[in-house]
Amino acid sequence: MPLSPGDKLGHYEILSLLGKGGMGEVYRGRDTKLKRDVAIKVLPETFARHAEREAKVLASLDHPNIGHFYGLVDAEDSPALVLALIEGPTLADRIAVGPIPLDESIHIAQQIAEAFEYAHDRGVIHRDLKPDNIKITPEGTVKVLDFGLQALIDNPAGVSFGTTAYMSPEQVMGECADANRRSDIYAFGAVLYEMLTGKYLFAWETEGEITAGLIKDEPKFAAVPAPLRLLIARCLVREPRRRLQSMGEARLILEDVTEPGSTLVGMYSLGPDMAPTHPLERRHKIAISAALVVAFAAGWAFEHFQR
């Protein structure tokens, strides 16, 4: 049910509409008891039965990079979630200005990875990670929004949830959305790609384009700064078993890449001709590099101890 400014939900007063979509309408509200503004998300009636479960999930997530949950309130037949009102632009707004510089992108990506590592460790999968669901506060803190509902909606065979531009191949095909978290990892790679290039990973729109794209399209890695090419490639591998296995891995890679003189910077400088669908070729090249390093070290040691 649409709400209007001045409407009351318990001790919350509706101030204005902030946005709406398939997952409900979001309003700016006023907590008249605590004298603070909040975000009030009114869920569609079809999802009302999940409200209590989503509230419990959101209440269990206490992390500085995840939007905070305050409580649950009834809006006639549709329950509403009361959330922290986060000021600042979305990541989508930031990307609309143009590609984000490497250092800033890494800083944002580290915070996203930390939020998802925390949630995944508690069994919570997002399933709709995209720039619109990420806010950046005036202080530069990342806040991931909309955890909970997507992970709890029943997913009948053949039905996919999410936003097409960031969906993993298994989501697009309507398979069960990744009990092992790797759909979120794919979306993380797509978001990071867009941050660095200012462009969608793929410009899919129709069902035909999606089907064809899953078979033949490859990201243009030459557009991605070298230190992050392999990380993004590993996130975007089509086969989930060959994909990056956890957000913790992504966080560690991002931390190592920022370390002065890190050996991972060279290792993660994937050439533009290498795509994420060729893991054996990558392993072969890395193995050759490792063998050369070992051979060099052995030769140096032999010469040194012969003196």
C-alpha atoms as a PDB file:
ATOM      1  CA  MET A   1       0.000   0.000   0.000  1.00  0.00           C
ATOM      2  CA  PRO A   2       1.554   3.361  -1.012  1.00  0.00           C
ATOM      3  CA  LEU A   3       2.134   5.766   1.859  1.00  0.00           C
ATOM      4  CA  SER A   4       1.984   9.553   1.880  1.00  0.00           C
ATOM      5  CA  PRO A   5       3.856  12.175   3.887  1.00  0.00           C
ATOM      6  CA  GLY A   6       2.241  12.486   7.292  1.00  0.00           C
ATOM      7  CA  ASP A   7       1.080   8.854   7.475  1.00  0.00           C
ATOM      8  CA  LYS A   8       1.934   7.053  10.708  1.00  0.00           C
ATOM      9  CA  LEU A   9       3.267   3.545  11.256  1.00  0.00           C
ATOM     10  CA  GLY A  10       3.340   3.074  14.977  1.00  0.00           C
ATOM     11  CA  HIS A  11       5.575   5.868  16.284  1.00  0.00           C
ATOM     12  CA  TYR A  12       7.142   6.430  12.854  1.00  0.00           C
ATOM     13  CA  GLU A  13       5.976   9.284  10.631  1.00  0.00           C
ATOM     14  CA  ILE A  14       6.380   9.087   6.845  1.00  0.00           C
ATOM     15  CA  LEU A  15       8.280  12.069   5.439  1.00  0.00           C
ATOM     16  CA  SER A  16       8.892  11.242   1.759  1.00  0.00           C
ATOM     17  CA  LEU A  17       9.334   8.443  -0.791  1.00  0.00           C
ATOM     18  CA  LEU A  18      12.984   7.549  -1.368  1.00  0.00           C
ATOM     19  CA  GLY A  19      12.554   4.844  -3.999  1.00  0.00           C
ATOM     20  CA  LYS A  20      10.655   1.753  -5.075  1.00  0.00           C
ATOM     21  CA  GLY A  21      11.215  -1.511  -6.898  1.00  0.00           C
ATOM     22  CA  GLY A  22      10.277  -5.166  -7.007  1.00  0.00           C
ATOM     23  CA  MET A  23      11.382  -5.656  -3.407  1.00  0.00           C
ATOM     24  CA  GLY A  24       9.162  -2.902  -2.006  1.00  0.00           C
ATOM     25  CA  GLU A  25       8.969   0.840  -1.418  1.00  0.00           C
ATOM     26  CA  VAL A  26      11.440   2.761   0.723  1.00  0.00           C
ATOM     27  CA  TYR A  27      10.445   5.906   2.591  1.00  0.00           C
ATOM     28  CA  ARG A  28      12.220   8.472   4.663  1.00  0.00           C
ATOM     29  CA  GLY A  29      10.583   8.411   8.072  1.00  0.00           C
ATOM     30  CA  ARG A  30      10.872  10.034  11.471  1.00  0.00           C
ATOM     31  CA  ASP A  31      11.203   8.100  14.706  1.00  0.00           C
ATOM     32  CA  THR A  32       9.092  10.359  16.933  1.00  0.00           C
ATOM     33  CA  LYS A  33      10.378   8.697  20.124  1.00  0.00           C
ATOM     34  CA  LEU A  34      14.113   8.808  19.461  1.00  0.00           C
ATOM     35  CA  LYS A  35      13.918  11.957  17.303  1.00  0.00           C
ATOM     36  CA  ARG A  36      15.892  10.584  14.362  1.00  0.00           C
ATOM     37  CA  ASP A  37      15.228  10.003  10.677  1.00  0.00           C
ATOM     38  CA  VAL A  38      15.102   6.407   9.468  1.00  0.00           C
ATOM     39  CA  ALA A  39      14.525   4.421   6.277  1.00  0.00           C
ATOM     40  CA  ILE A  40      11.257   2.471   6.208  1.00  0.00           C
ATOM     41  CA  LYS A  41      10.988  -0.352   3.680  1.00  0.00           C
ATOM     42  CA  VAL A  42       7.437  -1.563   3.056  1.00  0.00           C
ATOM     43  CA  LEU A  43       7.467  -5.070   1.596  1.00  0.00           C
ATOM     44  CA  PRO A  44       5.043  -6.281  -1.084  1.00  0.00           C
ATOM     45  CA  GLU A  45       2.164  -8.384   0.231  1.00  0.00           C
ATOM     46  CA  THR A  46       3.511 -11.426  -1.629  1.00  0.00           C
ATOM     47  CA  PHE A  47       6.647 -11.282   0.525  1.00  0.00           C
ATOM     48  CA  ALA A  48       4.902 -10.453   3.794  1.00  0.00           C
ATOM     49  CA  ARG A  49       5.237 -13.982   5.125  1.00  0.00           C
ATOM     50  CA  HIS A  50       9.024 -13.621   4.984  1.00  0.00           C
ATOM     51  CA  ALA A  51       9.147 -10.380   6.960  1.00  0.00           C
ATOM     52  CA  GLU A  52       9.801 -11.901  10.362  1.00  0.00           C
ATOM     53  CA  ARG A  53      12.530 -14.165   8.995  1.00  0.00           C
ATOM     54  CA  GLU A  54      14.171 -11.277   7.156  1.00  0.00           C
ATOM     55  CA  ALA A  55      14.036  -9.184  10.312  1.00  0.00           C
ATOM     56  CA  LYS A  56      15.852 -11.920  12.241  1.00  0.00           C
ATOM     57  CA  VAL A  57      18.503 -12.193   9.538  1.00  0.00           C
ATOM     58  CA  LEU A  58      19.054  -8.434   9.421  1.00  0.00           C
ATOM     59  CA  ALA A  59      19.183  -8.231  13.207  1.00  0.00           C
ATOM     60  CA  SER A  60      21.960 -10.838  13.231  1.00  0.00           C
ATOM     61  CA  LEU A  61      24.211  -8.751  10.965  1.00  0.00           C
ATOM     62  CA  ASP A  62      26.171  -6.232  13.004  1.00  0.00           C
ATOM     63  CA  HIS A  63      28.975  -4.954  10.827  1.00  0.00           C
ATOM     64  CA  PRO A  64      30.195  -1.410  10.046  1.00  0.00           C
ATOM     65  CA  ASN A  65      29.839  -1.992   6.291  1.00  0.00           C
ATOM     66  CA  ILE A  66      26.264  -3.339   6.406  1.00  0.00           C
ATOM     67  CA  GLY A  67      23.253  -1.056   6.756  1.00  0.00           C
ATOM     68  CA  HIS A  68      21.928  -1.289  10.311  1.00  0.00           C
ATOM     69  CA  PHE A  69      18.489  -2.739  11.129  1.00  0.00           C
ATOM     70  CA  TYR A  70      16.304  -1.164  13.817  1.00  0.00           C
ATOM     71  CA  GLY A  71      13.111  -3.192  13.859  1.00  0.00           C
ATOM     72  CA  LEU A  72       9.854  -4.348  12.303  1.00  0.00           C
ATOM     73  CA  VAL A  73       6.582  -2.415  12.201  1.00  0.00           C
ATOM     74  CA  ASP A  74       3.154  -3.202  10.694  1.00  0.00           C
ATOM     75  CA  ALA A  75       1.861  -1.183   7.748  1.00  0.00           C
ATOM     76  CA  GLU A  76      -1.726  -2.524   7.646  1.00  0.00           C
ATOM     77  CA  ASP A  77      -1.454  -5.795   5.688  1.00  0.00           C
ATOM     78  CA  SER A  78       2.181  -5.241   4.702  1.00  0.00           C
ATOM     79  CA  PRO A  79       4.989  -5.278   7.267  1.00  0.00           C
ATOM     80  CA  ALA A  80       7.758  -2.686   7.072  1.00  0.00           C
ATOM     81  CA  LEU A  81      11.416  -2.880   7.993  1.00  0.00           C
ATOM     82  CA  VAL A  82      12.918   0.041   9.886  1.00  0.00           C
ATOM     83  CA  LEU A  83      16.522   0.618   8.829  1.00  0.00           C
ATOM     84  CA  ALA A  84      19.278   3.138   9.373  1.00  0.00           C
ATOM     85  CA  LEU A  85      18.947   6.080   7.019  1.00  0.00           C
ATOM     86  CA  ILE A  86      22.279   6.312   5.223  1.00  0.00           C
ATOM     87  CA  GLU A  87      23.115   9.649   3.682  1.00  0.00           C
ATOM     88  CA  GLY A  88      25.307   9.906   0.625  1.00  0.00           C
ATOM     89  CA  PRO A  89      25.293   8.645  -2.980  1.00  0.00           C
ATOM     90  CA  THR A  90      24.975   5.080  -4.117  1.00  0.00           C
ATOM     91  CA  LEU A  91      27.907   3.411  -5.834  1.00  0.00           C
ATOM     92  CA  ALA A  92      25.809   3.616  -9.017  1.00  0.00           C
ATOM     93  CA  ASP A  93      25.729   7.410  -8.642  1.00  0.00           C
ATOM     94  CA  ARG A  94      29.497   7.442  -8.222  1.00  0.00           C
ATOM     95  CA  ILE A  95      30.087   5.250 -11.284  1.00  0.00           C
ATOM     96  CA  ALA A  96      27.777   7.474 -13.374  1.00  0.00           C
ATOM     97  CA  VAL A  97      30.396  10.217 -13.038  1.00  0.00           C
ATOM     98  CA  GLY A  98      32.992   7.959 -14.684  1.00  0.00           C
ATOM     99  CA  PRO A  99      35.458   5.146 -13.892  1.00  0.00           C
ATOM    100  CA  ILE A 100      36.667   5.205 -10.296  1.00  0.00           C
ATOM    101  CA  PRO A 101      40.453   5.548  -9.817  1.00  0.00           C
ATOM    102  CA  LEU A 102      42.303   2.383  -8.836  1.00  0.00           C
ATOM    103  CA  ASP A 103      43.141   3.383  -5.254  1.00  0.00           C
ATOM    104  CA  GLU A 104      39.578   4.495  -4.521  1.00  0.00           C
ATOM    105  CA  SER A 105      38.141   1.380  -6.184  1.00  0.00           C
ATOM    106  CA  ILE A 106      40.339  -0.875  -4.036  1.00  0.00           C
ATOM    107  CA  HIS A 107      39.282   0.990  -0.878  1.00  0.00           C
ATOM    108  CA  ILE A 108      35.589   0.565  -1.742  1.00  0.00           C
ATOM    109  CA  ALA A 109      36.056  -3.069  -2.825  1.00  0.00           C
ATOM    110  CA  GLN A 110      37.846  -3.953   0.428  1.00  0.00           C
ATOM    111  CA  GLN A 111      34.870  -2.728   2.446  1.00  0.00           C
ATOM    112  CA  ILE A 112      32.393  -4.612   0.252  1.00  0.00           C
ATOM    113  CA  ALA A 113      34.462  -7.786   0.590  1.00  0.00           C
ATOM    114  CA  GLU A 114      34.624  -7.402   4.380  1.00  0.00           C
ATOM    115  CA  ALA A 115      30.821  -7.011   4.575  1.00  0.00           C
ATOM    116  CA  PHE A 116      30.220 -10.105   2.460  1.00  0.00           C
ATOM    117  CA  GLU A 117      32.853 -12.176   4.229  1.00  0.00           C
ATOM    118  CA  TYR A 118      31.111 -11.379   7.518  1.00  0.00           C
ATOM    119  CA  ALA A 119      27.634 -12.213   6.163  1.00  0.00           C
ATOM    120  CA  HIS A 120      28.730 -15.384   4.373  1.00  0.00           C
ATOM    121  CA  ASP A 121      30.413 -16.658   7.533  1.00  0.00           C
ATOM    122  CA  ARG A 122      26.962 -16.409   9.139  1.00  0.00           C
ATOM    123  CA  GLY A 123      25.211 -18.222   6.315  1.00  0.00           C
ATOM    124  CA  VAL A 124      23.607 -15.133   4.758  1.00  0.00           C
ATOM    125  CA  ILE A 125      23.756 -14.776   0.964  1.00  0.00           C
ATOM    126  CA  HIS A 126      22.742 -11.508  -0.682  1.00  0.00           C
ATOM    127  CA  ARG A 127      21.922 -12.609  -4.258  1.00  0.00           C
ATOM    128  CA  ASP A 128      21.376  -9.069  -5.536  1.00  0.00           C
ATOM    129  CA  LEU A 129      24.718  -7.307  -5.122  1.00  0.00           C
ATOM    130  CA  LYS A 130      24.817  -4.284  -7.443  1.00  0.00           C
ATOM    131  CA  PRO A 131      25.957  -0.638  -7.275  1.00  0.00           C
ATOM    132  CA  ASP A 132      22.414   0.523  -6.437  1.00  0.00           C
ATOM    133  CA  ASN A 133      22.544  -1.556  -3.234  1.00  0.00           C
ATOM    134  CA  ILE A 134      25.764   0.059  -2.007  1.00  0.00           C
ATOM    135  CA  LYS A 135      25.847   3.469  -0.348  1.00  0.00           C
ATOM    136  CA  ILE A 136      28.930   5.571   0.331  1.00  0.00           C
ATOM    137  CA  THR A 137      28.677   7.912   3.301  1.00  0.00           C
ATOM    138  CA  PRO A 138      30.189  11.422   3.240  1.00  0.00           C
ATOM    139  CA  GLU A 139      33.044   9.969   5.338  1.00  0.00           C
ATOM    140  CA  GLY A 140      33.771   7.372   2.646  1.00  0.00           C
ATOM    141  CA  THR A 141      32.352   4.382   4.522  1.00  0.00           C
ATOM    142  CA  VAL A 142      30.670   1.709   2.397  1.00  0.00           C
ATOM    143  CA  LYS A 143      27.266   0.420   3.515  1.00  0.00           C
ATOM    144  CA  VAL A 144      25.806  -2.634   1.763  1.00  0.00           C
ATOM    145  CA  LEU A 145      22.001  -2.602   1.715  1.00  0.00           C
ATOM    146  CA  ASP A 146      19.241  -5.168   1.220  1.00  0.00           C
ATOM    147  CA  PHE A 147      20.740  -8.196   2.904  1.00  0.00           C
ATOM    148  CA  GLY A 148      18.119 -10.736   3.925  1.00  0.00           C
ATOM    149  CA  LEU A 149      15.071 -10.862   1.681  1.00  0.00           C
ATOM    150  CA  GLN A 150      16.737 -12.157  -1.463  1.00  0.00           C
ATOM    151  CA  ALA A 151      18.353 -14.965   0.518  1.00  0.00           C
ATOM    152  CA  LEU A 152      15.051 -16.054   2.018  1.00  0.00           C
ATOM    153  CA  ILE A 153      12.609 -15.928  -0.896  1.00  0.00           C
ATOM    154  CA  ASP A 154      11.629 -19.383  -2.056  1.00  0.00           C
ATOM    155  CA  ASN A 155      13.305 -20.054  -5.398  1.00  0.00           C
ATOM    156  CA  PRO A 156      11.251 -22.474  -7.510  1.00  0.00           C
ATOM    157  CA  ALA A 157      13.062 -24.284 -10.320  1.00  0.00           C
ATOM    158  CA  GLY A 158      13.370 -22.122 -13.391  1.00  0.00           C
ATOM    159  CA  VAL A 159      12.872 -18.825 -11.534  1.00  0.00           C
ATOM    160  CA  SER A 160      15.807 -16.449 -11.053  1.00  0.00           C
ATOM    161  CA  PHE A 161      16.126 -13.495  -8.723  1.00  0.00           C
ATOM    162  CA  GLY A 162      18.542 -10.625  -8.995  1.00  0.00           C
ATOM    163  CA  THR A 163      19.542  -7.948 -11.478  1.00  0.00           C
ATOM    164  CA  THR A 164      20.547  -9.323 -14.881  1.00  0.00           C
ATOM    165  CA  ALA A 165      23.727  -7.276 -15.337  1.00  0.00           C
ATOM    166  CA  TYR A 166      25.189  -8.754 -12.131  1.00  0.00           C
ATOM    167  CA  MET A 167      23.712 -12.252 -12.081  1.00  0.00           C
ATOM    168  CA  SER A 168      25.926 -15.311 -12.171  1.00  0.00           C
ATOM    169  CA  PRO A 169      25.371 -17.830 -14.990  1.00  0.00           C
ATOM    170  CA  GLU A 170      23.739 -20.251 -12.561  1.00  0.00           C
ATOM    171  CA  GLN A 171      21.292 -17.547 -11.460  1.00  0.00           C
ATOM    172  CA  VAL A 172      20.425 -16.616 -15.038  1.00  0.00           C
ATOM    173  CA  MET A 173      19.720 -20.268 -15.783  1.00  0.00           C
ATOM    174  CA  GLY A 174      17.329 -20.379 -12.814  1.00  0.00           C
ATOM    175  CA  GLU A 175      19.360 -22.831 -10.794  1.00  0.00           C
ATOM    176  CA  CYS A 176      19.294 -22.676  -6.997  1.00  0.00           C
ATOM    177  CA  ALA A 177      21.147 -19.482  -6.176  1.00  0.00           C
ATOM    178  CA  ASP A 178      24.391 -20.830  -4.912  1.00  0.00           C
ATOM    179  CA  ALA A 179      24.316 -22.389  -1.487  1.00  0.00           C
ATOM    180  CA  ASN A 180      28.109 -21.977  -1.504  1.00  0.00           C
ATOM    181  CA  ARG A 181      28.110 -18.166  -1.877  1.00  0.00           C
ATOM    182  CA  ARG A 182      29.692 -18.023  -5.310  1.00  0.00           C
ATOM    183  CA  SER A 183      26.864 -16.122  -6.998  1.00  0.00           C
ATOM    184  CA  ASP A 184      27.682 -13.197  -4.707  1.00  0.00           C
ATOM    185  CA  ILE A 185      31.354 -13.574  -5.668  1.00  0.00           C
ATOM    186  CA  TYR A 186      30.466 -13.387  -9.372  1.00  0.00           C
ATOM    187  CA  ALA A 187      28.426 -10.223  -8.729  1.00  0.00           C
ATOM    188  CA  PHE A 188      31.345  -8.764  -6.758  1.00  0.00           C
ATOM    189  CA  GLY A 189      33.575  -9.237  -9.809  1.00  0.00           C
ATOM    190  CA  ALA A 190      30.983  -7.584 -12.055  1.00  0.00           C
ATOM    191  CA  VAL A 191      30.666  -4.617  -9.684  1.00  0.00           C
ATOM    192  CA  LEU A 192      34.437  -4.207  -9.385  1.00  0.00           C
ATOM    193  CA  TYR A 193      34.756  -4.381 -13.186  1.00  0.00           C
ATOM    194  CA  GLU A 194      32.151  -1.622 -13.535  1.00  0.00           C
ATOM    195  CA  MET A 195      33.850   0.550 -10.907  1.00  0.00           C
ATOM    196  CA  LEU A 196      37.158   0.433 -12.770  1.00  0.00           C
ATOM    197  CA  THR A 197      35.828   0.761 -16.324  1.00  0.00           C
ATOM    198  CA  GLY A 198      32.629   2.763 -15.907  1.00  0.00           C
ATOM    199  CA  LYS A 199      30.810   0.155 -17.998  1.00  0.00           C
ATOM    200  CA  TYR A 200      28.585  -2.861 -17.398  1.00  0.00           C
ATOM    201  CA  LEU A 201      30.351  -6.195 -17.624  1.00  0.00           C
ATOM    202  CA  PHE A 202      27.841  -7.161 -20.341  1.00  0.00           C
ATOM    203  CA  ALA A 203      25.003  -5.129 -21.825  1.00  0.00           C
ATOM    204  CA  TRP A 204      22.468  -7.934 -21.768  1.00  0.00           C
ATOM    205  CA  GLU A 205      18.780  -7.032 -21.995  1.00  0.00           C
ATOM    206  CA  THR A 206      16.667  -9.668 -23.741  1.00  0.00           C
ATOM    207  CA  GLU A 207      16.465 -13.379 -22.920  1.00  0.00           C
ATOM    208  CA  GLY A 208      18.113 -14.167 -26.269  1.00  0.00           C
ATOM    209  CA  GLU A 209      21.052 -11.873 -25.528  1.00  0.00           C
ATOM    210  CA  ILE A 210      21.462 -13.441 -22.092  1.00  0.00           C
ATOM    211  CA  THR A 211      21.518 -16.977 -23.499  1.00  0.00           C
ATOM    212  CA  ALA A 212      23.937 -16.046 -26.278  1.00  0.00           C
ATOM    213  CA  GLY A 213      26.114 -14.009 -23.927  1.00  0.00           C
ATOM    214  CA  LEU A 214      26.552 -16.879 -21.506  1.00  0.00           C
ATOM    215  CA  ILE A 215      28.003 -18.932 -24.359  1.00  0.00           C
ATOM    216  CA  LYS A 216      30.260 -16.475 -26.171  1.00  0.00           C
ATOM    217  CA  ASP A 217      30.768 -13.125 -24.424  1.00  0.00           C
ATOM    218  CA  GLU A 218      34.002 -12.404 -22.574  1.00  0.00           C
ATOM    219  CA  PRO A 219      34.863  -9.333 -20.473  1.00  0.00           C
ATOM    220  CA  LYS A 220      37.394  -6.930 -21.990  1.00  0.00           C
ATOM    221  CA  PHE A 221      40.129  -7.202 -19.392  1.00  0.00           C
ATOM    222  CA  ALA A 222      42.421  -4.749 -21.163  1.00  0.00           C
ATOM    223  CA  ALA A 223      40.221  -1.992 -19.724  1.00  0.00           C
ATOM    224  CA  VAL A 224      40.944  -3.122 -16.152  1.00  0.00           C
ATOM    225  CA  PRO A 225      44.073  -1.877 -14.318  1.00  0.00           C
ATOM    226  CA  ALA A 226      46.650  -4.671 -14.281  1.00  0.00           C
ATOM    227  CA  PRO A 227      46.834  -5.368 -10.513  1.00  0.00           C
ATOM    228  CA  LEU A 228      43.168  -6.396 -10.382  1.00  0.00           C
ATOM    229  CA  ARG A 229      42.704  -8.280 -13.655  1.00  0.00           C
ATOM    230  CA  LEU A 230      43.283 -11.745 -12.268  1.00  0.00           C
ATOM    231  CA  LEU A 231      41.127 -11.114  -9.181  1.00  0.00           C
ATOM    232  CA  ILE A 232      38.210 -10.017 -11.365  1.00  0.00           C
ATOM    233  CA  ALA A 233      38.836 -12.882 -13.785  1.00  0.00           C
ATOM    234  CA  ARG A 234      38.694 -15.414 -10.956  1.00  0.00           C
ATOM    235  CA  CYS A 235      35.423 -13.927  -9.712  1.00  0.00           C
ATOM    236  CA  LEU A 236      33.889 -14.150 -13.185  1.00  0.00           C
ATOM    237  CA  VAL A 237      34.700 -17.757 -14.078  1.00  0.00           C
ATOM    238  CA  ARG A 238      31.462 -19.233 -15.410  1.00  0.00           C
ATOM    239  CA  GLU A 239      31.823 -22.585 -13.669  1.00  0.00           C
ATOM    240  CA  PRO A 240      31.210 -22.032  -9.921  1.00  0.00           C
ATOM    241  CA  ARG A 241      33.713 -24.704  -8.855  1.00  0.00           C
ATOM    242  CA  ARG A 242      36.525 -22.853 -10.642  1.00  0.00           C
ATOM    243  CA  ARG A 243      35.480 -19.453  -9.326  1.00  0.00           C
ATOM    244  CA  LEU A 244      37.115 -17.682  -6.389  1.00  0.00           C
ATOM    245  CA  GLN A 245      35.975 -19.697  -3.383  1.00  0.00           C
ATOM    246  CA  SER A 246      35.351 -17.035  -0.751  1.00  0.00           C
ATOM    247  CA  MET A 247      35.120 -13.311  -0.144  1.00  0.00           C
ATOM    248  CA  GLY A 248      37.902 -13.762   2.386  1.00  0.00           C
ATOM    249  CA  GLU A 249      40.218 -14.636  -0.512  1.00  0.00           C
ATOM    250  CA  ALA A 250      39.162 -11.469  -2.338  1.00  0.00           C
ATOM    251  CA  ARG A 251      39.810  -9.382   0.773  1.00  0.00           C
ATOM    252  CA  LEU A 252      43.301 -10.841   1.214  1.00  0.00           C
ATOM    253  CA  ILE A 253      44.173 -10.259  -2.443  1.00  0.00           C
ATOM    254  CA  LEU A 254      43.036  -6.634  -2.203  1.00  0.00           C
ATOM    255  CA  GLU A 255      45.089  -6.146   0.957  1.00  0.00           C
ATOM    256  CA  ASP A 256      48.194  -7.686  -0.620  1.00  0.00           C
ATOM    257  CA  VAL A 257      47.863  -5.656  -3.803  1.00  0.00           C
ATOM    258  CA  THR A 258      47.979  -2.451  -1.759  1.00  0.00           C
ATOM    259  CA  GLU A 259      51.136  -3.487   0.109  1.00  0.00           C
ATOM    260  CA  PRO A 260      54.233  -1.618  -1.179  1.00  0.00           C
ATOM    261  CA  GLY A 261      56.450  -4.012  -3.107  1.00  0.00           C
ATOM    262  CA  SER A 262      53.930  -6.840  -2.889  1.00  0.00           C
ATOM    263  CA  THR A 263      54.889  -9.807  -5.059  1.00  0.00           C
ATOM    264  CA  LEU A 264      51.174 -10.320  -5.742  1.00  0.00           C
ATOM    265  CA  VAL A 265      51.036  -7.143  -7.824  1.00  0.00           C
ATOM    266  CA  GLY A 266      53.065  -8.853 -10.530  1.00  0.00           C
ATOM    267  CA  MET A 267      51.261 -12.155 -10.110  1.00  0.00           C
ATOM    268  CA  TYR A 268      47.885 -10.461 -10.481  1.00  0.00           C
ATOM    269  CA  SER A 269      48.862  -8.444 -13.560  1.00  0.00           C
ATOM    270  CA  LEU A 270      46.851 -10.628 -15.910  1.00  0.00           C
ATOM    271  CA  GLY A 271      47.411  -9.896 -19.589  1.00  0.00           C
ATOM    272  CA  PRO A 272      44.449  -8.571 -21.620  1.00  0.00           C
ATOM    273  CA  ASP A 273      44.349 -11.695 -23.784  1.00  0.00           C
ATOM    274  CA  MET A 274      43.646 -14.001 -20.854  1.00  0.00           C
ATOM    275  CA  ALA A 275      39.989 -14.697 -20.055  1.00  0.00           C
ATOM    276  CA  PRO A 276      38.519 -16.270 -16.905  1.00  0.00           C
ATOM    277  CA  THR A 277      37.378 -19.347 -18.816  1.00  0.00           C
ATOM    278  CA  HIS A 278      40.930 -20.684 -19.230  1.00  0.00           C
ATOM    279  CA  PRO A 279      42.123 -21.641 -15.711  1.00  0.00           C
ATOM    280  CA  LEU A 280      44.484 -24.367 -16.938  1.00  0.00           C
ATOM    281  CA  GLU A 281      46.344 -21.944 -19.184  1.00  0.00           C
ATOM    282  CA  ARG A 282      46.680 -19.488 -16.291  1.00  0.00           C
ATOM    283  CA  ARG A 283      47.949 -22.204 -13.974  1.00  0.00           C
ATOM    284  CA  HIS A 284      50.467 -23.280 -16.612  1.00  0.00           C
ATOM    285  CA  LYS A 285      51.866 -19.760 -16.960  1.00  0.00           C
ATOM    286  CA  ILE A 286      52.004 -19.226 -13.207  1.00  0.00           C
ATOM    287  CA  ALA A 287      53.685 -22.630 -12.764  1.00  0.00           C
ATOM    288  CA  ILE A 288      56.324 -21.708 -15.344  1.00  0.00           C
ATOM    289  CA  SER A 289      56.979 -18.406 -13.538  1.00  0.00           C
ATOM    290  CA  ALA A 290      57.276 -20.201 -10.216  1.00  0.00           C
ATOM    291  CA  ALA A 291      59.649 -22.766 -11.708  1.00  0.00           C
ATOM    292  CA  LEU A 292      61.863 -19.994 -13.086  1.00  0.00           C
ATOM    293  CA  VAL A 293      61.990 -18.333  -9.666  1.00  0.00           C
ATOM    294  CA  VAL A 294      62.933 -21.628  -7.993  1.00  0.00           C
ATOM    295  CA  ALA A 295      65.581 -22.369 -10.631  1.00  0.00           C
ATOM    296  CA  PHE A 296      67.075 -18.913 -10.242  1.00  0.00           C
ATOM    297  CA  ALA A 297      67.186 -19.266  -6.442  1.00  0.00           C
ATOM    298  CA  ALA A 298      68.801 -22.714  -6.683  1.00  0.00           C
ATOM    299  CA  GLY A 299      71.432 -21.428  -9.098  1.00  0.00           C
ATOM    300  CA  TRP A 300      72.248 -18.481  -6.870  1.00  0.00           C
ATOM    301  CA  ALA A 301      72.568 -20.731  -3.816  1.00  0.00           C
ATOM    302  CA  PHE A 302      74.876 -23.186  -5.639  1.00  0.00           C
ATOM    303  CA  GLU A 303      77.138 -20.394  -6.861  1.00  0.00           C
ATOM    304  CA  HIS A 304      77.139 -18.703  -3.446  1.00  0.00           C
ATOM    305  CA  PHE A 305      78.136 -21.800  -1.485  1.00  0.00           C
ATOM    306  CA  GLN A 306      80.835 -22.755  -3.999  1.00  0.00           C
ATOM    307  CA  ARG A 307      82.768 -19.610  -3.148  1.00  0.00           C
END
